[in-house]
Protein backbone atom coordinates (compact mmCIF):
# COMPACT_ATOMS: atom_id res chain seq x y z
CA MET A 1 3.17 -2.44 16.03
CA GLN A 2 6.29 -2.81 13.94
CA LYS A 3 7.77 0.15 12.11
CA MET A 4 6.35 0.69 8.66
CA THR A 5 7.41 2.88 5.76
CA LEU A 6 5.21 5.75 4.61
CA LYS A 7 4.33 3.78 1.48
CA ALA A 8 3.30 0.72 3.50
CA LEU A 9 1.19 2.87 5.80
CA ARG A 10 -0.50 4.51 2.82
CA VAL A 11 -1.19 1.20 1.09
CA ASN A 12 -2.53 -0.33 4.31
CA ALA A 13 -4.85 2.68 4.66
CA GLY A 14 -6.14 2.02 1.14
CA LEU A 15 -5.08 5.44 -0.11
CA THR A 16 -3.35 6.59 -3.27
CA GLN A 17 -0.55 9.15 -3.30
CA LYS A 18 -3.02 11.57 -4.87
CA GLU A 19 -5.51 11.08 -2.02
CA VAL A 20 -2.83 11.62 0.62
CA ALA A 21 -1.58 14.69 -1.23
CA GLU A 22 -5.09 16.15 -1.29
CA LYS A 23 -5.67 15.44 2.41
CA LEU A 24 -2.35 17.03 3.40
CA LYS A 25 -2.55 19.83 0.81
CA LYS A 26 0.72 18.74 -0.80
CA SER A 27 1.65 17.68 -4.32
CA ASN A 28 1.75 14.06 -5.45
CA LYS A 29 5.47 14.56 -6.10
CA THR A 30 6.05 15.64 -2.48
CA ILE A 31 4.32 12.51 -1.16
CA GLY A 32 6.37 10.36 -3.55
CA ASN A 33 9.58 12.08 -2.47
CA TRP A 34 8.78 11.39 1.19
CA GLU A 35 7.97 7.75 0.45
CA ASN A 36 11.22 7.30 -1.49
CA GLY A 37 13.43 9.07 1.02
CA ILE A 38 14.29 11.89 -1.37
CA SER A 39 12.98 14.51 1.03
CA PHE A 40 11.75 14.49 4.61
CA PRO A 41 8.43 15.88 5.91
CA GLU A 42 8.41 18.95 8.14
CA PRO A 43 7.33 18.39 11.79
CA ALA A 44 3.78 19.63 11.12
CA ASP A 45 3.53 17.24 8.17
CA ILE A 46 4.77 14.37 10.32
CA ASP A 47 2.00 15.12 12.81
CA ALA A 48 -0.54 15.14 9.97
CA LEU A 49 0.80 11.81 8.68
CA CYS A 50 0.56 10.29 12.15
CA ASP A 51 -3.04 11.46 12.42
CA LEU A 52 -3.93 10.29 8.91
CA TYR A 53 -2.45 6.82 9.41
CA ASN A 54 -3.35 6.62 13.12
CA VAL A 55 0.21 5.77 14.18
CA SER A 56 2.81 7.34 16.42
CA TYR A 57 6.05 8.84 15.13
CA ASP A 58 7.94 5.89 16.59
CA ASN A 59 6.06 3.50 14.28
CA ILE A 60 7.15 5.21 11.05
CA ASN A 61 10.29 4.09 9.26
CA PHE A 62 11.43 7.16 7.33
CA LEU A 63 13.66 6.16 4.44
CA HIS A 64 16.81 8.12 3.75
CA SER A 65 18.11 8.63 0.23
CA ASP A 66 21.48 7.14 1.16
CA SER A 67 19.76 3.88 2.13
CA LEU A 68 18.20 3.36 -1.30
């Protein structure tokens, strides 16, 4: 599997930011910030994202704000 961004993983899973936020008990803004590289998930949140999207950490391309 090639690396995918958090947004691509979410879209491929057929989920909205709101649905992901509810599942992870986070705000929509937090999910958007992660997807846009404004902030970075904590390790426990990364584990939850991996479980939610059924991918390993190595398959996630985390954006960094300086790359936008």
